[in-house]
Amino acid sequence: MSGKDEKTRTETLGSPGSRKMSRATKRPRKNRGMPPPATFDIDTLPGSSNLTALEAAAVIRRTPGALEQWRRDPNHPLKWRYVDGRPLYRIDAVRDYLARCDKTAKPPQPHNARGDGRAARP
């Protein structure tokens, strides 16, 4: 049984000290970065439509991880619901959230400005 075509057991299975894993056996990782901008216009969709977490993140320009953190807070202004174990966001809720964010956005202040109207000391 020691022919030229036979490989030893360690050659076939890989040496036990080998730390390299093939791409097929690696665990897939989530892409936690910022998704690209939405390819659809949120204003043209009916208000009863649902968006996935990735689509909602693309519309409001946040990471899916940020939405995941917000879902842990039941009082967060961006509302969602779970359907078959997956979070979905209604278009109306996303529009309301964006409108509320526009109203509460503060204009940028100069670097040396104070909140009480006095100039900063040098």
PDB file of N, CA and C in Angstrom:
ATOM      1  N   MET A   1       0.799  -1.196   0.000  1.00  0.00           N
ATOM      2  CA  MET A   1       0.000   0.000   0.000  1.00  0.00           C
ATOM      3  C   MET A   1       0.843   1.261   0.000  1.00  0.00           C
ATOM      4  N   SER A   2       2.032   1.190  -0.297  1.00  0.00           N
ATOM      5  CA  SER A   2       2.860   2.391  -0.284  1.00  0.00           C
ATOM      6  C   SER A   2       3.227   2.783  -1.700  1.00  0.00           C
ATOM      7  N   GLY A   3       2.219   3.072  -2.507  1.00  0.00           N
ATOM      8  CA  GLY A   3       2.441   3.490  -3.883  1.00  0.00           C
ATOM      9  C   GLY A   3       2.839   4.947  -3.957  1.00  0.00           C
ATOM     10  N   LYS A   4       3.275   5.367  -5.121  1.00  0.00           N
ATOM     11  CA  LYS A   4       3.718   6.746  -5.297  1.00  0.00           C
ATOM     12  C   LYS A   4       2.560   7.738  -5.227  1.00  0.00           C
ATOM     13  N   ASP A   5       1.366   7.325  -5.612  1.00  0.00           N
ATOM     14  CA  ASP A   5       0.221   8.231  -5.640  1.00  0.00           C
ATOM     15  C   ASP A   5      -0.404   8.453  -4.267  1.00  0.00           C
ATOM     16  N   GLU A   6      -0.097   7.595  -3.332  1.00  0.00           N
ATOM     17  CA  GLU A   6      -0.687   7.737  -2.004  1.00  0.00           C
ATOM     18  C   GLU A   6       0.001   8.860  -1.238  1.00  0.00           C
ATOM     19  N   LYS A   7      -0.773   9.612  -0.513  1.00  0.00           N
ATOM     20  CA  LYS A   7      -0.223  10.668   0.323  1.00  0.00           C
ATOM     21  C   LYS A   7      -0.295  10.226   1.773  1.00  0.00           C
ATOM     22  N   THR A   8       0.590  10.751   2.551  1.00  0.00           N
ATOM     23  CA  THR A   8       0.530  10.425   3.966  1.00  0.00           C
ATOM     24  C   THR A   8      -0.653  11.150   4.585  1.00  0.00           C
ATOM     25  N   ARG A   9      -1.013  10.705   5.746  1.00  0.00           N
ATOM     26  CA  ARG A   9      -2.196  11.252   6.399  1.00  0.00           C
ATOM     27  C   ARG A   9      -2.042  12.759   6.662  1.00  0.00           C
ATOM     28  N   THR A  10      -0.884  13.219   7.073  1.00  0.00           N
ATOM     29  CA  THR A  10      -0.708  14.631   7.375  1.00  0.00           C
ATOM     30  C   THR A  10      -0.722  15.483   6.117  1.00  0.00           C
ATOM     31  N   GLU A  11      -0.316  14.929   4.991  1.00  0.00           N
ATOM     32  CA  GLU A  11      -0.365  15.690   3.750  1.00  0.00           C
ATOM     33  C   GLU A  11      -1.798  15.892   3.299  1.00  0.00           C
ATOM     34  N   THR A  12      -2.619  14.864   3.490  1.00  0.00           N
ATOM     35  CA  THR A  12      -4.003  14.930   3.054  1.00  0.00           C
ATOM     36  C   THR A  12      -4.826  15.871   3.926  1.00  0.00           C
ATOM     37  N   LEU A  13      -4.701  15.721   5.225  1.00  0.00           N
ATOM     38  CA  LEU A  13      -5.524  16.493   6.139  1.00  0.00           C
ATOM     39  C   LEU A  13      -4.885  17.817   6.538  1.00  0.00           C
ATOM     40  N   GLY A  14      -3.646  18.001   6.251  1.00  0.00           N
ATOM     41  CA  GLY A  14      -2.945  19.206   6.686  1.00  0.00           C
ATOM     42  C   GLY A  14      -2.289  18.953   8.024  1.00  0.00           C
ATOM     43  N   SER A  15      -1.200  19.586   8.262  1.00  0.00           N
ATOM     44  CA  SER A  15      -0.501  19.354   9.517  1.00  0.00           C
ATOM     45  C   SER A  15      -1.284  19.971  10.659  1.00  0.00           C
ATOM     46  N   PRO A  16      -1.226  19.379  11.847  1.00  0.00           N
ATOM     47  CA  PRO A  16      -1.993  19.897  12.976  1.00  0.00           C
ATOM     48  C   PRO A  16      -1.572  21.307  13.384  1.00  0.00           C
ATOM     49  N   GLY A  17      -0.342  21.692  13.118  1.00  0.00           N
ATOM     50  CA  GLY A  17       0.112  23.023  13.481  1.00  0.00           C
ATOM     51  C   GLY A  17      -0.268  24.077  12.462  1.00  0.00           C
ATOM     52  N   SER A  18      -0.829  23.674  11.364  1.00  0.00           N
ATOM     53  CA  SER A  18      -1.185  24.623  10.314  1.00  0.00           C
ATOM     54  C   SER A  18      -2.369  25.468  10.760  1.00  0.00           C
ATOM     55  N   ARG A  19      -2.220  26.794  10.724  1.00  0.00           N
ATOM     56  CA  ARG A  19      -3.267  27.709  11.169  1.00  0.00           C
ATOM     57  C   ARG A  19      -4.072  28.278  10.009  1.00  0.00           C
ATOM     58  N   LYS A  20      -3.634  28.056   8.803  1.00  0.00           N
ATOM     59  CA  LYS A  20      -4.342  28.598   7.655  1.00  0.00           C
ATOM     60  C   LYS A  20      -5.615  27.802   7.405  1.00  0.00           C
ATOM     61  N   MET A  21      -6.698  28.527   7.190  1.00  0.00           N
ATOM     62  CA  MET A  21      -7.968  27.889   6.885  1.00  0.00           C
ATOM     63  C   MET A  21      -8.335  28.251   5.456  1.00  0.00           C
ATOM     64  N   SER A  22      -8.936  27.316   4.788  1.00  0.00           N
ATOM     65  CA  SER A  22      -9.367  27.628   3.429  1.00  0.00           C
ATOM     66  C   SER A  22     -10.539  28.598   3.491  1.00  0.00           C
ATOM     67  N   ARG A  23     -10.759  29.327   2.425  1.00  0.00           N
ATOM     68  CA  ARG A  23     -11.845  30.303   2.378  1.00  0.00           C
ATOM     69  C   ARG A  23     -13.205  29.646   2.595  1.00  0.00           C
ATOM     70  N   ALA A  24     -13.351  28.411   2.169  1.00  0.00           N
ATOM     71  CA  ALA A  24     -14.639  27.736   2.275  1.00  0.00           C
ATOM     72  C   ALA A  24     -14.992  27.424   3.731  1.00  0.00           C
ATOM     73  N   THR A  25     -14.007  27.261   4.597  1.00  0.00           N
ATOM     74  CA  THR A  25     -14.304  26.902   5.973  1.00  0.00           C
ATOM     75  C   THR A  25     -14.342  28.097   6.904  1.00  0.00           C
ATOM     76  N   LYS A  26     -13.959  29.283   6.438  1.00  0.00           N
ATOM     77  CA  LYS A  26     -14.014  30.464   7.292  1.00  0.00           C
ATOM     78  C   LYS A  26     -15.445  30.892   7.517  1.00  0.00           C
ATOM     79  N   ARG A  27     -15.678  31.407   8.689  1.00  0.00           N
ATOM     80  CA  ARG A  27     -17.004  31.887   9.050  1.00  0.00           C
ATOM     81  C   ARG A  27     -17.263  33.207   8.325  1.00  0.00           C
ATOM     82  N   PRO A  28     -18.398  33.339   7.651  1.00  0.00           N
ATOM     83  CA  PRO A  28     -18.673  34.605   6.967  1.00  0.00           C
ATOM     84  C   PRO A  28     -18.919  35.716   7.994  1.00  0.00           C
ATOM     85  N   ARG A  29     -18.347  36.866   7.748  1.00  0.00           N
ATOM     86  CA  ARG A  29     -18.497  38.005   8.645  1.00  0.00           C
ATOM     87  C   ARG A  29     -19.481  38.997   8.044  1.00  0.00           C
ATOM     88  N   LYS A  30     -20.197  39.678   8.914  1.00  0.00           N
ATOM     89  CA  LYS A  30     -21.124  40.704   8.447  1.00  0.00           C
ATOM     90  C   LYS A  30     -20.345  41.926   8.018  1.00  0.00           C
ATOM     91  N   ASN A  31     -20.829  42.581   6.997  1.00  0.00           N
ATOM     92  CA  ASN A  31     -20.260  43.852   6.594  1.00  0.00           C
ATOM     93  C   ASN A  31     -20.878  44.920   7.482  1.00  0.00           C
ATOM     94  N   ARG A  32     -20.094  45.470   8.389  1.00  0.00           N
ATOM     95  CA  ARG A  32     -20.612  46.416   9.369  1.00  0.00           C
ATOM     96  C   ARG A  32     -20.398  47.874   8.956  1.00  0.00           C
ATOM     97  N   GLY A  33     -19.924  48.095   7.750  1.00  0.00           N
ATOM     98  CA  GLY A  33     -19.659  49.458   7.303  1.00  0.00           C
ATOM     99  C   GLY A  33     -20.919  50.161   6.831  1.00  0.00           C
ATOM    100  N   MET A  34     -20.711  51.373   6.402  1.00  0.00           N
ATOM    101  CA  MET A  34     -21.810  52.184   5.890  1.00  0.00           C
ATOM    102  C   MET A  34     -22.269  51.630   4.549  1.00  0.00           C
ATOM    103  N   PRO A  35     -23.564  51.356   4.395  1.00  0.00           N
ATOM    104  CA  PRO A  35     -24.039  50.876   3.093  1.00  0.00           C
ATOM    105  C   PRO A  35     -24.006  51.988   2.056  1.00  0.00           C
ATOM    106  N   PRO A  36     -23.968  51.637   0.798  1.00  0.00           N
ATOM    107  CA  PRO A  36     -24.002  52.683  -0.227  1.00  0.00           C
ATOM    108  C   PRO A  36     -25.347  53.406  -0.195  1.00  0.00           C
ATOM    109  N   PRO A  37     -25.418  54.607  -0.737  1.00  0.00           N
ATOM    110  CA  PRO A  37     -26.698  55.336  -0.734  1.00  0.00           C
ATOM    111  C   PRO A  37     -27.796  54.528  -1.413  1.00  0.00           C
ATOM    112  N   ALA A  38     -29.005  54.762  -0.982  1.00  0.00           N
ATOM    113  CA  ALA A  38     -30.160  54.027  -1.519  1.00  0.00           C
ATOM    114  C   ALA A  38     -30.305  54.304  -3.013  1.00  0.00           C
ATOM    115  N   THR A  39     -30.667  53.269  -3.753  1.00  0.00           N
ATOM    116  CA  THR A  39     -30.840  53.392  -5.199  1.00  0.00           C
ATOM    117  C   THR A  39     -32.276  53.750  -5.570  1.00  0.00           C
ATOM    118  N   PHE A  40     -33.128  53.918  -4.572  1.00  0.00           N
ATOM    119  CA  PHE A  40     -34.534  54.238  -4.815  1.00  0.00           C
ATOM    120  C   PHE A  40     -34.872  55.548  -4.122  1.00  0.00           C
ATOM    121  N   ASP A  41     -35.963  56.159  -4.543  1.00  0.00           N
ATOM    122  CA  ASP A  41     -36.419  57.409  -3.943  1.00  0.00           C
ATOM    123  C   ASP A  41     -37.480  57.076  -2.905  1.00  0.00           C
ATOM    124  N   ILE A  42     -37.208  57.426  -1.665  1.00  0.00           N
ATOM    125  CA  ILE A  42     -38.126  57.088  -0.577  1.00  0.00           C
ATOM    126  C   ILE A  42     -39.450  57.840  -0.711  1.00  0.00           C
ATOM    127  N   ASP A  43     -39.435  58.987  -1.376  1.00  0.00           N
ATOM    128  CA  ASP A  43     -40.660  59.779  -1.513  1.00  0.00           C
ATOM    129  C   ASP A  43     -41.631  59.199  -2.530  1.00  0.00           C
ATOM    130  N   THR A  44     -41.157  58.335  -3.422  1.00  0.00           N
ATOM    131  CA  THR A  44     -42.054  57.761  -4.429  1.00  0.00           C
ATOM    132  C   THR A  44     -42.697  56.457  -3.960  1.00  0.00           C
ATOM    133  N   LEU A  45     -42.216  55.885  -2.863  1.00  0.00           N
ATOM    134  CA  LEU A  45     -42.762  54.619  -2.371  1.00  0.00           C
ATOM    135  C   LEU A  45     -44.001  54.867  -1.518  1.00  0.00           C
ATOM    136  N   PRO A  46     -44.956  53.939  -1.522  1.00  0.00           N
ATOM    137  CA  PRO A  46     -46.127  54.096  -0.652  1.00  0.00           C
ATOM    138  C   PRO A  46     -45.722  53.994   0.817  1.00  0.00           C
ATOM    139  N   GLY A  47     -46.423  54.713   1.670  1.00  0.00           N
ATOM    140  CA  GLY A  47     -46.087  54.763   3.090  1.00  0.00           C
ATOM    141  C   GLY A  47     -46.214  53.448   3.817  1.00  0.00           C
ATOM    142  N   SER A  48     -46.993  52.524   3.279  1.00  0.00           N
ATOM    143  CA  SER A  48     -47.185  51.237   3.952  1.00  0.00           C
ATOM    144  C   SER A  48     -46.114  50.219   3.583  1.00  0.00           C
ATOM    145  N   SER A  49     -45.194  50.574   2.703  1.00  0.00           N
ATOM    146  CA  SER A  49     -44.125  49.649   2.318  1.00  0.00           C
ATOM    147  C   SER A  49     -43.151  49.472   3.474  1.00  0.00           C
ATOM    148  N   ASN A  50     -42.438  48.372   3.439  1.00  0.00           N
ATOM    149  CA  ASN A  50     -41.452  48.074   4.473  1.00  0.00           C
ATOM    150  C   ASN A  50     -40.055  48.094   3.880  1.00  0.00           C
ATOM    151  N   LEU A  51     -39.097  48.495   4.706  1.00  0.00           N
ATOM    152  CA  LEU A  51     -37.690  48.459   4.334  1.00  0.00           C
ATOM    153  C   LEU A  51     -36.966  47.492   5.257  1.00  0.00           C
ATOM    154  N   THR A  52     -35.982  46.795   4.720  1.00  0.00           N
ATOM    155  CA  THR A  52     -35.136  45.968   5.564  1.00  0.00           C
ATOM    156  C   THR A  52     -34.197  46.881   6.345  1.00  0.00           C
ATOM    157  N   ALA A  53     -33.482  46.309   7.297  1.00  0.00           N
ATOM    158  CA  ALA A  53     -32.550  47.107   8.093  1.00  0.00           C
ATOM    159  C   ALA A  53     -31.450  47.700   7.211  1.00  0.00           C
ATOM    160  N   LEU A  54     -30.980  46.955   6.237  1.00  0.00           N
ATOM    161  CA  LEU A  54     -29.930  47.463   5.351  1.00  0.00           C
ATOM    162  C   LEU A  54     -30.458  48.597   4.469  1.00  0.00           C
ATOM    163  N   GLU A  55     -31.682  48.461   3.968  1.00  0.00           N
ATOM    164  CA  GLU A  55     -32.273  49.530   3.151  1.00  0.00           C
ATOM    165  C   GLU A  55     -32.528  50.781   3.984  1.00  0.00           C
ATOM    166  N   ALA A  56     -33.033  50.593   5.208  1.00  0.00           N
ATOM    167  CA  ALA A  56     -33.275  51.739   6.082  1.00  0.00           C
ATOM    168  C   ALA A  56     -31.964  52.429   6.437  1.00  0.00           C
ATOM    169  N   ALA A  57     -30.926  51.665   6.678  1.00  0.00           N
ATOM    170  CA  ALA A  57     -29.618  52.237   6.984  1.00  0.00           C
ATOM    171  C   ALA A  57     -29.089  53.035   5.799  1.00  0.00           C
ATOM    172  N   ALA A  58     -29.336  52.549   4.591  1.00  0.00           N
ATOM    173  CA  ALA A  58     -28.889  53.268   3.397  1.00  0.00           C
ATOM    174  C   ALA A  58     -29.642  54.582   3.243  1.00  0.00           C
ATOM    175  N   VAL A  59     -30.934  54.597   3.576  1.00  0.00           N
ATOM    176  CA  VAL A  59     -31.742  55.812   3.419  1.00  0.00           C
ATOM    177  C   VAL A  59     -31.319  56.868   4.429  1.00  0.00           C
ATOM    178  N   ILE A  60     -31.132  56.482   5.696  1.00  0.00           N
ATOM    179  CA  ILE A  60     -30.819  57.478   6.724  1.00  0.00           C
ATOM    180  C   ILE A  60     -29.318  57.657   6.905  1.00  0.00           C
ATOM    181  N   ARG A  61     -28.509  56.941   6.116  1.00  0.00           N
ATOM    182  CA  ARG A  61     -27.048  57.066   6.110  1.00  0.00           C
ATOM    183  C   ARG A  61     -26.422  56.774   7.468  1.00  0.00           C
ATOM    184  N   ARG A  62     -26.790  55.633   8.024  1.00  0.00           N
ATOM    185  CA  ARG A  62     -26.199  55.104   9.248  1.00  0.00           C
ATOM    186  C   ARG A  62     -25.796  53.661   8.981  1.00  0.00           C
ATOM    187  N   THR A  63     -24.994  53.090   9.850  1.00  0.00           N
ATOM    188  CA  THR A  63     -24.601  51.695   9.683  1.00  0.00           C
ATOM    189  C   THR A  63     -25.713  50.786  10.196  1.00  0.00           C
ATOM    190  N   PRO A  64     -25.783  49.561   9.682  1.00  0.00           N
ATOM    191  CA  PRO A  64     -26.763  48.615  10.229  1.00  0.00           C
ATOM    192  C   PRO A  64     -26.540  48.349  11.709  1.00  0.00           C
ATOM    193  N   GLY A  65     -25.306  48.449  12.155  1.00  0.00           N
ATOM    194  CA  GLY A  65     -25.017  48.276  13.583  1.00  0.00           C
ATOM    195  C   GLY A  65     -25.640  49.369  14.431  1.00  0.00           C
ATOM    196  N   ALA A  66     -25.715  50.586  13.896  1.00  0.00           N
ATOM    197  CA  ALA A  66     -26.361  51.674  14.625  1.00  0.00           C
ATOM    198  C   ALA A  66     -27.852  51.387  14.782  1.00  0.00           C
ATOM    199  N   LEU A  67     -28.476  50.897  13.728  1.00  0.00           N
ATOM    200  CA  LEU A  67     -29.898  50.554  13.817  1.00  0.00           C
ATOM    201  C   LEU A  67     -30.110  49.424  14.815  1.00  0.00           C
ATOM    202  N   GLU A  68     -29.180  48.490  14.843  1.00  0.00           N
ATOM    203  CA  GLU A  68     -29.263  47.378  15.798  1.00  0.00           C
ATOM    204  C   GLU A  68     -29.202  47.907  17.230  1.00  0.00           C
ATOM    205  N   GLN A  69     -28.327  48.872  17.474  1.00  0.00           N
ATOM    206  CA  GLN A  69     -28.236  49.478  18.802  1.00  0.00           C
ATOM    207  C   GLN A  69     -29.524  50.229  19.135  1.00  0.00           C
ATOM    208  N   TRP A  70     -30.077  50.945  18.164  1.00  0.00           N
ATOM    209  CA  TRP A  70     -31.305  51.705  18.406  1.00  0.00           C
ATOM    210  C   TRP A  70     -32.473  50.777  18.728  1.00  0.00           C
ATOM    211  N   ARG A  71     -32.486  49.585  18.148  1.00  0.00           N
ATOM    212  CA  ARG A  71     -33.590  48.652  18.423  1.00  0.00           C
ATOM    213  C   ARG A  71     -33.569  48.162  19.862  1.00  0.00           C
ATOM    214  N   ARG A  72     -32.431  48.268  20.521  1.00  0.00           N
ATOM    215  CA  ARG A  72     -32.363  47.875  21.934  1.00  0.00           C
ATOM    216  C   ARG A  72     -33.051  48.886  22.833  1.00  0.00           C
ATOM    217  N   ASP A  73     -33.276  50.086  22.328  1.00  0.00           N
ATOM    218  CA  ASP A  73     -33.964  51.138  23.073  1.00  0.00           C
ATOM    219  C   ASP A  73     -35.414  51.208  22.595  1.00  0.00           C
ATOM    220  N   PRO A  74     -36.371  50.752  23.395  1.00  0.00           N
ATOM    221  CA  PRO A  74     -37.767  50.739  22.921  1.00  0.00           C
ATOM    222  C   PRO A  74     -38.350  52.134  22.715  1.00  0.00           C
ATOM    223  N   ASN A  75     -37.718  53.175  23.249  1.00  0.00           N
ATOM    224  CA  ASN A  75     -38.236  54.538  23.106  1.00  0.00           C
ATOM    225  C   ASN A  75     -37.538  55.310  21.991  1.00  0.00           C
ATOM    226  N   HIS A  76     -36.778  54.641  21.155  1.00  0.00           N
ATOM    227  CA  HIS A  76     -36.090  55.347  20.074  1.00  0.00           C
ATOM    228  C   HIS A  76     -37.106  55.859  19.062  1.00  0.00           C
ATOM    229  N   PRO A  77     -36.889  57.053  18.512  1.00  0.00           N
ATOM    230  CA  PRO A  77     -37.887  57.630  17.597  1.00  0.00           C
ATOM    231  C   PRO A  77     -38.054  56.881  16.279  1.00  0.00           C
ATOM    232  N   LEU A  78     -37.045  56.141  15.830  1.00  0.00           N
ATOM    233  CA  LEU A  78     -37.211  55.356  14.600  1.00  0.00           C
ATOM    234  C   LEU A  78     -37.884  54.038  14.970  1.00  0.00           C
ATOM    235  N   LYS A  79     -39.110  53.860  14.523  1.00  0.00           N
ATOM    236  CA  LYS A  79     -39.897  52.691  14.911  1.00  0.00           C
ATOM    237  C   LYS A  79     -39.722  51.559  13.913  1.00  0.00           C
ATOM    238  N   TRP A  80     -39.841  50.348  14.396  1.00  0.00           N
ATOM    239  CA  TRP A  80     -39.672  49.145  13.605  1.00  0.00           C
ATOM    240  C   TRP A  80     -40.618  48.084  14.139  1.00  0.00           C
ATOM    241  N   ARG A  81     -40.694  46.989  13.419  1.00  0.00           N
ATOM    242  CA  ARG A  81     -41.447  45.826  13.896  1.00  0.00           C
ATOM    243  C   ARG A  81     -40.759  44.583  13.358  1.00  0.00           C
ATOM    244  N   TYR A  82     -40.974  43.485  14.028  1.00  0.00           N
ATOM    245  CA  TYR A  82     -40.364  42.229  13.610  1.00  0.00           C
ATOM    246  C   TYR A  82     -41.373  41.412  12.819  1.00  0.00           C
ATOM    247  N   VAL A  83     -40.963  40.940  11.662  1.00  0.00           N
ATOM    248  CA  VAL A  83     -41.767  40.043  10.838  1.00  0.00           C
ATOM    249  C   VAL A  83     -40.896  38.835  10.540  1.00  0.00           C
ATOM    250  N   ASP A  84     -41.359  37.682  10.959  1.00  0.00           N
ATOM    251  CA  ASP A  84     -40.593  36.441  10.816  1.00  0.00           C
ATOM    252  C   ASP A  84     -39.198  36.568  11.419  1.00  0.00           C
ATOM    253  N   GLY A  85     -39.090  37.280  12.531  1.00  0.00           N
ATOM    254  CA  GLY A  85     -37.821  37.410  13.226  1.00  0.00           C
ATOM    255  C   GLY A  85     -36.868  38.439  12.648  1.00  0.00           C
ATOM    256  N   ARG A  86     -37.291  39.152  11.631  1.00  0.00           N
ATOM    257  CA  ARG A  86     -36.423  40.161  11.013  1.00  0.00           C
ATOM    258  C   ARG A  86     -37.028  41.542  11.229  1.00  0.00           C
ATOM    259  N   PRO A  87     -36.199  42.531  11.555  1.00  0.00           N
ATOM    260  CA  PRO A  87     -36.740  43.881  11.753  1.00  0.00           C
ATOM    261  C   PRO A  87     -37.065  44.538  10.423  1.00  0.00           C
ATOM    262  N   LEU A  88     -38.235  45.137  10.357  1.00  0.00           N
ATOM    263  CA  LEU A  88     -38.655  45.883   9.176  1.00  0.00           C
ATOM    264  C   LEU A  88     -39.070  47.285   9.605  1.00  0.00           C
ATOM    265  N   TYR A  89     -38.799  48.244   8.746  1.00  0.00           N
ATOM    266  CA  TYR A  89     -39.098  49.647   9.012  1.00  0.00           C
ATOM    267  C   TYR A  89     -40.109  50.125   7.978  1.00  0.00           C
ATOM    268  N   ARG A  90     -41.219  50.692   8.455  1.00  0.00           N
ATOM    269  CA  ARG A  90     -42.209  51.252   7.528  1.00  0.00           C
ATOM    270  C   ARG A  90     -41.671  52.540   6.942  1.00  0.00           C
ATOM    271  N   ILE A  91     -42.024  52.793   5.704  1.00  0.00           N
ATOM    272  CA  ILE A  91     -41.591  54.007   5.023  1.00  0.00           C
ATOM    273  C   ILE A  91     -42.063  55.239   5.797  1.00  0.00           C
ATOM    274  N   ASP A  92     -43.293  55.200   6.306  1.00  0.00           N
ATOM    275  CA  ASP A  92     -43.817  56.327   7.082  1.00  0.00           C
ATOM    276  C   ASP A  92     -42.941  56.620   8.302  1.00  0.00           C
ATOM    277  N   ALA A  93     -42.503  55.565   8.986  1.00  0.00           N
ATOM    278  CA  ALA A  93     -41.673  55.747  10.176  1.00  0.00           C
ATOM    279  C   ALA A  93     -40.319  56.347   9.822  1.00  0.00           C
ATOM    280  N   VAL A  94     -39.754  55.923   8.703  1.00  0.00           N
ATOM    281  CA  VAL A  94     -38.460  56.464   8.271  1.00  0.00           C
ATOM    282  C   VAL A  94     -38.612  57.932   7.876  1.00  0.00           C
ATOM    283  N   ARG A  95     -39.686  58.251   7.164  1.00  0.00           N
ATOM    284  CA  ARG A  95     -39.933  59.656   6.786  1.00  0.00           C
ATOM    285  C   ARG A  95     -40.124  60.528   8.018  1.00  0.00           C
ATOM    286  N   ASP A  96     -40.901  60.045   8.997  1.00  0.00           N
ATOM    287  CA  ASP A  96     -41.117  60.804  10.230  1.00  0.00           C
ATOM    288  C   ASP A  96     -39.803  61.020  10.974  1.00  0.00           C
ATOM    289  N   TYR A  97     -38.984  59.984  11.025  1.00  0.00           N
ATOM    290  CA  TYR A  97     -37.695  60.099  11.708  1.00  0.00           C
ATOM    291  C   TYR A  97     -36.811  61.140  11.025  1.00  0.00           C
ATOM    292  N   LEU A  98     -36.757  61.092   9.700  1.00  0.00           N
ATOM    293  CA  LEU A  98     -35.934  62.060   8.964  1.00  0.00           C
ATOM    294  C   LEU A  98     -36.457  63.480   9.147  1.00  0.00           C
ATOM    295  N   ALA A  99     -37.773  63.654   9.143  1.00  0.00           N
ATOM    296  CA  ALA A  99     -38.350  64.981   9.342  1.00  0.00           C
ATOM    297  C   ALA A  99     -38.043  65.494  10.743  1.00  0.00           C
ATOM    298  N   ARG A 100     -38.112  64.624  11.736  1.00  0.00           N
ATOM    299  CA  ARG A 100     -37.828  65.016  13.109  1.00  0.00           C
ATOM    300  C   ARG A 100     -36.352  65.390  13.265  1.00  0.00           C
ATOM    301  N   CYS A 101     -35.476  64.680  12.580  1.00  0.00           N
ATOM    302  CA  CYS A 101     -34.044  64.986  12.647  1.00  0.00           C
ATOM    303  C   CYS A 101     -33.747  66.337  11.999  1.00  0.00           C
ATOM    304  N   ASP A 102     -34.455  66.665  10.922  1.00  0.00           N
ATOM    305  CA  ASP A 102     -34.244  67.952  10.260  1.00  0.00           C
ATOM    306  C   ASP A 102     -34.645  69.110  11.166  1.00  0.00           C
ATOM    307  N   LYS A 103     -35.713  68.928  11.943  1.00  0.00           N
ATOM    308  CA  LYS A 103     -36.186  69.994  12.811  1.00  0.00           C
ATOM    309  C   LYS A 103     -35.245  70.218  13.989  1.00  0.00           C
ATOM    310  N   THR A 104     -34.646  69.152  14.505  1.00  0.00           N
ATOM    311  CA  THR A 104     -33.817  69.269  15.697  1.00  0.00           C
ATOM    312  C   THR A 104     -32.360  69.541  15.380  1.00  0.00           C
ATOM    313  N   ALA A 105     -31.991  69.572  14.116  1.00  0.00           N
ATOM    314  CA  ALA A 105     -30.595  69.831  13.759  1.00  0.00           C
ATOM    315  C   ALA A 105     -30.237  71.269  14.106  1.00  0.00           C
ATOM    316  N   LYS A 106     -29.125  71.429  14.805  1.00  0.00           N
ATOM    317  CA  LYS A 106     -28.680  72.750  15.200  1.00  0.00           C
ATOM    318  C   LYS A 106     -27.723  73.286  14.147  1.00  0.00           C
ATOM    319  N   PRO A 107     -27.779  74.586  13.879  1.00  0.00           N
ATOM    320  CA  PRO A 107     -26.813  75.143  12.933  1.00  0.00           C
ATOM    321  C   PRO A 107     -25.415  75.086  13.544  1.00  0.00           C
ATOM    322  N   PRO A 108     -24.394  74.858  12.748  1.00  0.00           N
ATOM    323  CA  PRO A 108     -23.043  74.779  13.301  1.00  0.00           C
ATOM    324  C   PRO A 108     -22.610  76.132  13.848  1.00  0.00           C
ATOM    325  N   GLN A 109     -21.926  76.102  14.998  1.00  0.00           N
ATOM    326  CA  GLN A 109     -21.441  77.316  15.617  1.00  0.00           C
ATOM    327  C   GLN A 109     -19.975  77.505  15.287  1.00  0.00           C
ATOM    328  N   PRO A 110     -19.520  78.762  15.303  1.00  0.00           N
ATOM    329  CA  PRO A 110     -18.087  78.984  15.110  1.00  0.00           C
ATOM    330  C   PRO A 110     -17.297  78.311  16.227  1.00  0.00           C
ATOM    331  N   HIS A 111     -16.056  78.055  15.970  1.00  0.00           N
ATOM    332  CA  HIS A 111     -15.226  77.322  16.909  1.00  0.00           C
ATOM    333  C   HIS A 111     -15.112  78.029  18.256  1.00  0.00           C
ATOM    334  N   ASN A 112     -15.110  79.352  18.248  1.00  0.00           N
ATOM    335  CA  ASN A 112     -14.913  80.086  19.502  1.00  0.00           C
ATOM    336  C   ASN A 112     -16.228  80.535  20.138  1.00  0.00           C
ATOM    337  N   ALA A 113     -17.355  80.090  19.644  1.00  0.00           N
ATOM    338  CA  ALA A 113     -18.647  80.533  20.175  1.00  0.00           C
ATOM    339  C   ALA A 113     -19.031  79.719  21.403  1.00  0.00           C
ATOM    340  N   ARG A 114     -19.766  80.359  22.298  1.00  0.00           N
ATOM    341  CA  ARG A 114     -20.316  79.693  23.464  1.00  0.00           C
ATOM    342  C   ARG A 114     -21.832  79.628  23.323  1.00  0.00           C
ATOM    343  N   GLY A 115     -22.432  78.783  24.075  1.00  0.00           N
ATOM    344  CA  GLY A 115     -23.884  78.661  24.022  1.00  0.00           C
ATOM    345  C   GLY A 115     -24.617  79.846  24.627  1.00  0.00           C
ATOM    346  N   ASP A 116     -23.938  80.609  25.526  1.00  0.00           N
ATOM    347  CA  ASP A 116     -24.610  81.718  26.187  1.00  0.00           C
ATOM    348  C   ASP A 116     -24.450  83.052  25.455  1.00  0.00           C
ATOM    349  N   GLY A 117     -23.845  83.048  24.290  1.00  0.00           N
ATOM    350  CA  GLY A 117     -23.736  84.256  23.496  1.00  0.00           C
ATOM    351  C   GLY A 117     -22.458  85.044  23.725  1.00  0.00           C
ATOM    352  N   ARG A 118     -21.702  84.702  24.771  1.00  0.00           N
ATOM    353  CA  ARG A 118     -20.445  85.407  25.031  1.00  0.00           C
ATOM    354  C   ARG A 118     -19.332  84.806  24.180  1.00  0.00           C
ATOM    355  N   ALA A 119     -18.364  85.614  23.855  1.00  0.00           N
ATOM    356  CA  ALA A 119     -17.221  85.121  23.090  1.00  0.00           C
ATOM    357  C   ALA A 119     -16.298  84.327  24.019  1.00  0.00           C
ATOM    358  N   ALA A 120     -15.597  83.397  23.452  1.00  0.00           N
ATOM    359  CA  ALA A 120     -14.671  82.585  24.248  1.00  0.00           C
ATOM    360  C   ALA A 120     -13.420  83.387  24.565  1.00  0.00           C
ATOM    361  N   ARG A 121     -12.821  83.098  25.716  1.00  0.00           N
ATOM    362  CA  ARG A 121     -11.591  83.756  26.113  1.00  0.00           C
ATOM    363  C   ARG A 121     -10.426  83.153  25.340  1.00  0.00           C
ATOM    364  N   PRO A 122      -9.456  84.004  24.976  1.00  0.00           N
ATOM    365  CA  PRO A 122      -8.281  83.446  24.272  1.00  0.00           C
ATOM    366  C   PRO A 122      -7.386  82.662  25.176  1.00  0.00           C
TER     367      PRO A 122
END
